[in-house]
Protein backbone atom coordinates (compact mmCIF):
# COMPACT_ATOMS: atom_id res chain seq x y z
CA MET A 1 0.00 0.00 0.00
CA SER A 2 1.46 3.48 -0.99
CA ASN A 3 0.89 6.66 1.07
CA HIS A 4 3.36 9.43 0.19
CA LEU A 5 3.23 12.14 2.83
CA ALA A 6 5.22 14.35 0.47
CA ASP A 7 2.06 15.15 -1.40
CA ASP A 8 0.74 17.07 1.61
CA LEU A 9 3.23 19.77 0.67
CA LEU A 10 3.36 19.34 -3.07
CA ILE A 11 -0.27 19.85 -4.06
CA ASP A 12 -1.97 23.17 -3.45
CA ALA A 13 -5.67 23.55 -2.97
CA GLU A 14 -7.59 24.24 -6.15
CA ASP A 15 -10.25 26.88 -6.66
CA GLN A 16 -13.32 25.68 -4.77
CA ASP A 17 -15.77 27.98 -6.58
CA SER A 18 -16.19 25.56 -9.46
CA SER A 19 -19.36 23.50 -9.80
CA PRO A 20 -20.50 21.27 -8.14
CA PRO A 21 -20.63 23.06 -4.75
CA PRO A 22 -17.65 22.44 -2.45
CA MET A 23 -19.42 20.12 0.02
CA LEU A 24 -20.97 18.01 -2.71
CA ARG A 25 -17.70 18.00 -4.61
CA ARG A 26 -15.87 16.71 -1.53
CA TRP A 27 -18.37 13.89 -1.09
CA LEU A 28 -18.09 12.96 -4.77
CA LEU A 29 -14.31 13.15 -4.58
CA GLY A 30 -14.25 10.96 -1.47
CA LEU A 31 -16.41 8.31 -3.14
CA ALA A 32 -14.33 8.43 -6.30
CA MET A 33 -11.12 8.09 -4.28
CA LEU A 34 -12.37 4.91 -2.64
CA VAL A 35 -13.39 3.41 -5.99
CA VAL A 36 -9.96 4.20 -7.40
CA ALA A 37 -8.22 2.80 -4.31
CA CYS A 38 -10.02 -0.51 -4.82
CA ASN A 39 -8.19 -0.78 -8.15
CA LEU A 40 -4.66 -0.19 -6.85
CA ARG A 41 -3.89 -3.78 -5.78
CA PRO A 42 -5.72 -6.27 -8.07
CA ALA A 43 -2.92 -6.02 -10.65
CA LEU A 44 -0.58 -7.44 -7.99
CA THR A 45 -2.74 -9.87 -6.03
CA SER A 46 -4.54 -11.39 -9.03
CA LEU A 47 -1.25 -12.68 -10.44
CA GLY A 48 -0.02 -15.02 -7.70
CA PRO A 49 -3.07 -17.34 -7.50
CA VAL A 50 -2.90 -18.14 -11.25
CA LEU A 51 0.90 -18.19 -11.54
CA THR A 52 0.93 -21.98 -11.70
CA GLU A 53 -1.35 -21.90 -14.76
CA ILE A 54 0.80 -19.20 -16.35
CA ARG A 55 4.00 -21.21 -15.84
CA HIS A 56 2.27 -24.29 -17.29
CA ASP A 57 1.00 -22.53 -20.42
CA LEU A 58 4.13 -20.41 -20.91
CA PRO A 59 7.02 -22.76 -20.04
CA GLN A 60 9.41 -20.37 -21.78
CA LEU A 61 9.01 -18.07 -18.79
CA GLY A 62 11.31 -20.18 -16.63
CA TRP A 63 13.05 -18.00 -14.06
CA LEU A 64 11.34 -14.95 -15.58
CA SER A 65 8.23 -15.81 -13.58
CA GLY A 66 10.11 -14.42 -10.57
CA VAL A 67 10.79 -11.25 -12.53
CA LEU A 68 7.08 -11.05 -13.30
CA THR A 69 6.19 -10.99 -9.60
CA MET A 70 8.89 -8.39 -8.94
CA LEU A 71 8.08 -6.13 -11.86
CA PRO A 72 5.01 -4.21 -10.64
CA VAL A 73 6.56 -3.49 -7.23
CA LEU A 74 9.78 -2.26 -8.83
CA CYS A 75 7.81 -0.02 -11.19
CA MET A 76 5.84 1.39 -8.27
CA GLY A 77 9.02 2.37 -6.48
CA LEU A 78 10.68 3.89 -9.54
CA ALA A 79 7.59 5.78 -10.76
CA GLY A 80 6.41 7.30 -7.48
CA PRO A 81 8.96 10.15 -7.27
CA PHE A 82 7.76 11.53 -10.64
CA ALA A 83 4.17 12.03 -9.46
CA PRO A 84 4.54 15.40 -7.68
CA MET A 85 6.10 17.17 -10.67
CA GLN A 86 3.27 15.92 -12.88
CA ALA A 87 0.71 17.13 -10.36
CA ARG A 88 2.31 20.58 -10.27
CA ARG A 89 2.08 20.86 -14.04
CA TRP A 90 -1.35 19.41 -14.81
CA GLY A 91 -3.16 19.07 -11.48
CA ALA A 92 -3.51 15.89 -9.42
CA GLU A 93 -7.00 15.00 -10.67
CA ARG A 94 -5.99 15.11 -14.33
CA VAL A 95 -2.81 13.15 -13.70
CA ILE A 96 -4.76 10.45 -11.87
CA LEU A 97 -7.25 10.16 -14.72
CA GLY A 98 -4.45 9.87 -17.26
CA TRP A 99 -2.71 7.11 -15.34
CA LEU A 100 -5.98 5.29 -14.76
CA ALA A 101 -6.16 5.06 -18.56
CA VAL A 102 -2.65 3.57 -18.54
CA LEU A 103 -3.71 1.12 -15.82
CA ILE A 104 -6.66 0.04 -17.95
CA ALA A 105 -4.40 -0.46 -20.95
CA GLY A 106 -1.87 -2.43 -18.93
CA LEU A 107 -4.49 -4.74 -17.42
CA ALA A 108 -6.10 -5.28 -20.82
CA LEU A 109 -2.72 -6.11 -22.37
CA ARG A 110 -2.27 -8.94 -19.88
CA GLY A 111 -5.42 -10.48 -21.31
CA LEU A 112 -3.62 -11.25 -24.60
CA GLY A 113 -1.90 -14.18 -22.91
CA ASN A 114 1.57 -13.93 -24.46
CA VAL A 115 4.87 -13.25 -22.73
CA VAL A 116 5.53 -9.76 -24.12
CA PRO A 117 2.01 -8.37 -23.46
CA LEU A 118 2.04 -9.99 -20.03
CA PHE A 119 5.27 -8.27 -19.01
CA THR A 120 4.44 -4.99 -20.75
CA GLY A 121 0.99 -4.80 -19.22
CA THR A 122 2.28 -5.67 -15.76
CA ALA A 123 4.96 -2.95 -15.98
CA LEU A 124 2.45 -0.35 -17.16
CA ALA A 125 0.07 -1.29 -14.37
CA GLY A 126 2.86 -0.98 -11.79
CA ILE A 127 3.88 2.47 -13.04
CA ALA A 128 0.27 3.67 -13.01
CA ILE A 129 -0.31 2.35 -9.49
CA GLY A 130 2.88 4.03 -8.31
CA ILE A 131 1.79 7.44 -9.63
CA VAL A 132 -1.86 7.25 -8.55
CA GLY A 133 -0.98 5.82 -5.14
CA VAL A 134 1.32 8.77 -4.49
CA LEU A 135 -1.24 11.43 -5.40
CA LEU A 136 -4.41 10.20 -3.68
CA PRO A 137 -3.25 10.77 -0.06
CA GLY A 138 -2.38 14.35 -0.96
CA LEU A 139 -5.98 14.91 -2.01
CA VAL A 140 -7.12 13.49 1.32
CA LYS A 141 -4.99 16.09 3.09
CA ARG A 142 -6.18 18.88 0.81
CA ASP A 143 -9.93 18.29 0.76
CA PHE A 144 -10.59 16.36 3.99
CA ARG A 145 -8.54 18.21 6.60
CA ASP A 146 -11.29 17.86 9.20
CA HIS A 147 -11.84 14.16 8.46
CA GLY A 148 -8.35 13.09 7.45
CA THR A 149 -8.15 10.15 9.87
CA LEU A 150 -11.53 8.80 8.75
CA MET A 151 -10.68 9.14 5.07
CA THR A 152 -7.26 7.56 5.56
CA GLY A 153 -8.93 4.62 7.31
CA LEU A 154 -11.49 4.26 4.53
CA PHE A 155 -8.71 4.54 1.95
CA THR A 156 -6.81 1.72 3.67
CA MET A 157 -9.98 -0.38 3.81
CA ALA A 158 -10.51 0.11 0.07
CA LEU A 159 -6.94 -0.95 -0.70
CA CYS A 160 -7.27 -4.07 1.45
CA TRP A 161 -10.65 -4.94 0.02
CA GLY A 162 -9.42 -4.66 -3.56
CA ALA A 163 -6.34 -6.75 -2.79
CA ALA A 164 -8.30 -9.41 -0.94
CA PHE A 165 -11.07 -9.68 -3.52
CA ALA A 166 -8.62 -10.06 -6.41
CA ALA A 167 -6.62 -12.71 -4.56
CA GLY A 168 -9.72 -14.70 -3.72
CA ILE A 169 -11.63 -14.47 -7.00
CA SER A 170 -8.78 -15.01 -9.49
CA VAL A 171 -8.87 -18.82 -9.53
CA PRO A 172 -12.71 -19.13 -9.54
CA LEU A 173 -12.79 -16.56 -12.36
CA THR A 174 -10.20 -18.56 -14.30
CA HIS A 175 -12.29 -21.71 -13.87
CA ALA A 176 -15.43 -19.84 -14.95
CA LEU A 177 -13.58 -18.83 -18.12
CA ASP A 178 -12.61 -22.45 -18.89
CA GLY A 179 -9.08 -22.07 -17.62
CA ALA A 180 -8.34 -18.87 -19.56
CA TRP A 181 -6.04 -17.22 -17.00
CA ALA A 182 -5.22 -14.43 -19.47
CA LEU A 183 -8.87 -13.41 -19.72
CA ALA A 184 -9.13 -13.57 -15.93
CA LEU A 185 -6.17 -11.19 -15.61
CA GLY A 186 -7.48 -8.91 -18.36
CA ALA A 187 -10.91 -8.77 -16.74
CA TRP A 188 -9.51 -6.48 -14.03
CA ALA A 189 -9.46 -3.74 -16.63
CA LEU A 190 -13.26 -3.53 -16.32
CA PRO A 191 -13.39 -2.27 -12.71
CA ALA A 192 -10.56 0.11 -13.62
CA VAL A 193 -12.78 1.51 -16.38
CA ILE A 194 -15.52 2.05 -13.81
CA ALA A 195 -13.01 3.85 -11.58
CA ALA A 196 -12.03 6.16 -14.45
CA VAL A 197 -15.68 6.94 -15.21
CA VAL A 198 -16.37 7.70 -11.54
CA TRP A 199 -13.22 9.82 -11.33
CA TRP A 200 -14.03 11.92 -14.42
CA PRO A 201 -16.49 14.31 -12.66
CA THR A 202 -13.82 15.24 -10.08
CA LEU A 203 -11.76 17.09 -12.69
CA PRO A 204 -11.61 20.81 -11.91
CA LYS A 205 -12.81 23.22 -14.57
CA ARG A 206 -9.70 25.34 -14.25
CA ASP A 207 -6.04 24.39 -13.92
CA ALA A 208 -4.72 23.98 -10.41
CA ALA A 209 -2.31 26.58 -9.18
CA ALA A 210 1.32 25.61 -9.37
CA ALA A 211 2.59 24.22 -6.10
CA PRO A 212 5.68 25.67 -4.50
CA ALA A 213 8.94 23.81 -4.85
CA LEU A 214 9.85 21.45 -2.05
CA HIS A 215 13.50 21.99 -1.21
CA PRO A 216 15.56 18.94 -0.23
CA VAL A 217 16.52 18.38 3.38
CA ARG A 218 20.26 18.77 3.70
CA GLY A 219 22.07 15.49 4.35
CA LEU A 220 18.93 13.35 4.66
CA TRP A 221 20.30 10.52 2.51
CA ARG A 222 23.45 10.39 4.64
CA GLN A 223 21.68 9.93 7.98
CA ALA A 224 21.60 6.45 9.49
CA LEU A 225 18.15 6.97 11.02
CA ALA A 226 16.67 7.89 7.64
CA TRP A 227 18.06 4.70 6.15
CA GLN A 228 16.74 2.63 9.04
CA VAL A 229 13.24 3.99 8.44
CA THR A 230 13.67 3.38 4.70
CA LEU A 231 14.92 -0.18 5.11
CA PHE A 232 12.15 -1.04 7.57
CA MET A 233 9.60 0.22 5.05
CA GLY A 234 11.24 -1.70 2.22
CA LEU A 235 11.92 -4.97 4.01
CA GLN A 236 8.47 -5.32 5.58
CA SER A 237 7.04 -4.55 2.13
CA ALA A 238 9.31 -7.23 0.66
CA LEU A 239 7.59 -9.84 2.82
CA ALA A 240 4.16 -8.49 1.83
CA TYR A 241 4.85 -8.68 -1.90
CA ALA A 242 6.37 -12.13 -1.52
CA VAL A 243 3.01 -13.17 -0.06
CA PHE A 244 1.11 -11.54 -2.92
CA GLY A 245 3.27 -13.24 -5.52
CA TRP A 246 4.06 -16.67 -4.12
CA LEU A 247 1.99 -17.72 -1.11
CA ALA A 248 -0.85 -19.13 -3.23
CA PRO A 249 1.53 -21.21 -5.44
CA ILE A 250 3.33 -22.46 -2.32
CA LEU A 251 0.05 -23.56 -0.72
CA ARG A 252 -1.03 -25.23 -3.95
CA ASP A 253 2.22 -27.16 -4.13
CA ARG A 254 1.66 -28.23 -0.54
CA GLY A 255 -1.62 -29.82 -1.63
CA LEU A 256 -4.20 -27.13 -1.00
CA ASP A 257 -7.01 -26.74 -3.52
CA PRO A 258 -6.14 -23.92 -5.99
CA ALA A 259 -9.25 -21.88 -5.27
CA LEU A 260 -8.85 -22.37 -1.52
CA ALA A 261 -5.21 -21.23 -1.73
CA GLY A 262 -6.37 -17.96 -3.25
CA TRP A 263 -8.98 -17.49 -0.55
CA VAL A 264 -6.38 -18.08 2.17
CA VAL A 265 -4.32 -15.20 0.76
CA SER A 266 -7.49 -13.12 0.50
CA PHE A 267 -8.38 -13.86 4.12
CA SER A 268 -4.91 -12.90 5.29
CA VAL A 269 -5.16 -9.55 3.50
CA VAL A 270 -8.58 -8.84 5.03
CA VAL A 271 -7.20 -9.51 8.52
CA GLN A 272 -4.59 -6.80 7.89
CA LEU A 273 -7.23 -4.10 8.12
CA PRO A 274 -7.95 -4.03 11.88
CA ALA A 275 -4.26 -4.46 12.64
CA ALA A 276 -3.41 -1.56 10.35
CA LEU A 277 -5.91 0.67 12.14
CA ILE A 278 -5.00 -0.28 15.73
CA THR A 279 -1.20 -0.55 15.57
CA PRO A 280 -0.42 3.17 15.00
CA ILE A 281 -2.64 4.15 17.94
CA LEU A 282 -0.96 1.74 20.35
CA ALA A 283 2.54 2.42 19.03
CA GLY A 284 2.07 6.17 19.29
CA ARG A 285 1.23 5.89 22.98
CA ALA A 286 4.36 3.93 23.82
CA ARG A 287 7.65 5.49 24.95
CA ASP A 288 9.23 4.24 21.72
CA GLN A 289 8.25 1.81 18.98
CA ARG A 290 10.87 -0.92 19.33
CA ALA A 291 8.52 -3.34 21.09
CA ALA A 292 5.88 -2.79 18.41
CA VAL A 293 8.47 -3.52 15.71
CA ALA A 294 9.40 -6.82 17.37
CA ILE A 295 5.75 -7.86 17.85
CA VAL A 296 4.55 -7.21 14.30
CA LEU A 297 7.62 -8.79 12.68
CA GLY A 298 7.40 -11.77 15.03
CA ALA A 299 3.77 -12.31 14.06
CA THR A 300 4.62 -11.93 10.36
CA LEU A 301 7.46 -14.46 10.47
CA ALA A 302 5.49 -16.95 12.58
CA GLY A 303 2.55 -16.69 10.18
CA LEU A 304 4.73 -17.19 7.13
CA LEU A 305 6.58 -20.19 8.56
CA GLY A 306 3.27 -21.68 9.66
CA CYS A 307 1.87 -21.30 6.15
CA PHE A 308 5.04 -22.84 4.69
CA TYR A 309 5.57 -25.79 7.01
CA ALA A 310 2.76 -26.37 9.55
CA PRO A 311 -0.04 -28.90 8.89
CA LEU A 312 -2.62 -27.50 6.50
CA GLY A 313 -5.40 -28.11 9.00
CA GLY A 314 -4.36 -24.95 10.83
CA ILE A 315 -3.80 -22.82 7.73
CA TRP A 316 -6.50 -20.28 8.61
CA LEU A 317 -4.91 -19.60 11.98
CA TRP A 318 -1.49 -19.04 10.41
CA ALA A 319 -3.03 -16.84 7.70
CA ALA A 320 -4.74 -14.75 10.38
CA LEU A 321 -1.49 -14.37 12.32
CA LEU A 322 0.27 -13.38 9.10
CA GLY A 323 -2.40 -10.77 8.38
CA VAL A 324 -2.12 -9.26 11.86
CA GLY A 325 1.65 -9.03 11.52
CA GLN A 326 1.74 -7.58 8.03
CA GLY A 327 -1.09 -5.12 8.58
CA GLY A 328 0.62 -3.89 11.72
CA ALA A 329 4.05 -3.73 10.08
CA PHE A 330 2.84 -1.62 7.15
CA SER A 331 0.98 0.90 9.28
CA LEU A 332 3.90 1.04 11.72
CA ALA A 333 6.28 1.81 8.85
CA LEU A 334 4.11 4.78 7.87
CA THR A 335 3.86 5.88 11.49
CA LEU A 336 7.64 5.85 11.93
CA ILE A 337 7.99 8.27 9.03
CA VAL A 338 5.93 10.80 10.96
CA LEU A 339 7.36 10.10 14.40
CA ARG A 340 11.01 10.30 13.36
CA ALA A 341 10.60 13.65 11.56
CA LYS A 342 10.75 16.92 13.48
CA ASP A 343 8.34 18.72 11.16
CA SER A 344 6.14 18.21 8.11
CA HIS A 345 8.88 19.31 5.73
CA VAL A 346 11.28 16.59 6.94
CA ALA A 347 8.40 14.10 7.05
CA ALA A 348 7.62 14.80 3.40
CA GLN A 349 11.20 14.25 2.30
CA LEU A 350 11.61 11.16 4.48
CA SER A 351 8.40 9.71 3.06
CA SER A 352 9.64 10.19 -0.47
CA MET A 353 12.95 8.52 0.37
CA ALA A 354 11.41 5.67 2.38
CA GLN A 355 8.81 4.72 -0.18
CA SER A 356 10.71 5.18 -3.43
CA ALA A 357 13.90 3.48 -2.23
CA GLY A 358 11.93 1.13 0.02
CA TYR A 359 9.65 -0.26 -2.68
CA THR A 360 12.62 -0.65 -5.00
CA VAL A 361 14.30 -2.81 -2.34
CA ALA A 362 11.04 -4.70 -1.76
CA ALA A 363 10.80 -5.75 -5.39
CA PHE A 364 13.73 -8.15 -5.14
CA CYS A 365 12.25 -10.50 -2.52
CA PRO A 366 9.61 -11.99 -4.88
CA LEU A 367 12.35 -12.40 -7.50
CA ALA A 368 14.67 -14.17 -5.06
CA LEU A 369 11.89 -16.47 -3.86
CA GLY A 370 11.05 -17.54 -7.41
CA ALA A 371 14.72 -18.00 -8.30
CA LEU A 372 15.29 -20.19 -5.24
CA HIS A 373 12.37 -22.39 -6.23
CA ASP A 374 13.58 -22.75 -9.80
CA PHE A 375 17.12 -23.56 -8.66
CA ALA A 376 16.19 -26.08 -5.96
CA GLY A 377 12.99 -27.44 -7.49
CA SER A 378 11.16 -26.97 -4.19
CA TRP A 379 10.09 -24.34 -1.71
CA ASP A 380 12.51 -25.50 1.00
CA GLY A 381 14.47 -22.26 0.74
CA ALA A 382 11.42 -20.05 1.26
CA GLY A 383 11.54 -20.24 5.04
CA PRO A 384 15.22 -19.30 5.45
CA LEU A 385 14.81 -16.46 2.95
CA VAL A 386 11.83 -14.83 4.66
CA ALA A 387 13.50 -15.36 8.05
CA LEU A 388 16.58 -13.51 6.80
CA VAL A 389 14.46 -10.65 5.46
CA ALA A 390 12.49 -10.48 8.71
CA LEU A 391 15.68 -10.34 10.78
CA ALA A 392 17.03 -7.56 8.58
CA ALA A 393 13.73 -5.70 8.99
CA LEU A 394 13.97 -6.21 12.76
CA TRP A 395 17.47 -4.69 12.82
CA ALA A 396 16.30 -1.69 10.80
CA GLY A 397 13.08 -1.35 12.79
CA LEU A 398 14.79 -1.41 16.18
CA GLY A 399 16.95 1.47 15.00
CA ALA A 400 14.00 3.35 13.52
CA GLY A 401 11.88 2.74 16.62
CA ARG A 402 14.12 4.75 18.95
CA GLN A 403 12.70 7.99 20.31
CA ILE A 404 15.00 10.28 18.32
CA HIS A 405 14.48 12.56 15.34
CA ILE A 406 16.05 13.14 11.96
CA SER A 407 17.91 16.40 11.79
CA GLY A 408 18.13 18.59 8.76
CA ALA A 409 17.11 21.83 7.17
CA PRO A 410 16.23 22.83 3.63
CA SER A 411 19.32 23.12 1.47
């Protein structure tokens, strides 16, 4: 899930005199934002449950199937930093609409069923999600200042719902289409079209005013604390995207019914929601956040190892534990960005660093997991790999969880 705090400073308020009236426009914008948010994860979570079918029908993929799971996350990380400059030039609403069109095209391309369209469409979808995901939270800050917490919670719910629904329905949809996994992947372009249609009325009649430049914080990229926050964001995300890409294939290879494997992933994502809402509140009340870091990462690792190795009779329990851990870890990563910054200016710059560099780091865990499977012919290496990533995240998180602040001033 992508929430760039930098947009709070990069997007100015637009003229509110345009029709419809401001209050009605805010309600329409809020509804449209939730519809769009529902479409920011299906491109990722719909892929893993049908990856076995893809590898069977496209044996030439080989080790490139790991690249396929990495690709959208990498594109998200690389594309996100370009969103603010586009918003300054054309306005956030217009930029979002344009990239929704790219998302639709990318999802539709995947429906062609060949290697090149599959990779091209996945990359386009990842870039579009990276841009749109950066800009939406800025609109929450701009237009819902009095209800920012509520809208952020609803935004998170929409992201989780879209991710969970896509993970759960992908295999049944493939079966309903007589095994046509490409059509099942391409079908996610249809809800994206609905999102674009719903978003269209939010476009302002006049261009948004240019936002002021956001000057870099001096020495931010050389501070250890900034890198600890960044690595915690990236490494906990690495575990999340490994789950999106490979948990369903792992469960299928362990003997779970293909449709049930997808629903287990879906259930785990749904469980993330309450954890994501509660963890920041509890962590913010503590003297520091090191205990919270240890708890959420411990739950994540225990849930993953349980899904990988424990008897399948308890799979729902392990999936629930995994959801609690990952939902808490993601929201804690966002919370640490705010808590470790002395002011909103530093928070904006730290957010940009943590999420662009962090998601780029996160992209390589799904690739490594797929490569290990192809090399060894089994999933035996999955447990040691996720344990290593979790330990690295723990090291970074314990540093980021200290009650200290990042120093710096505009350069």
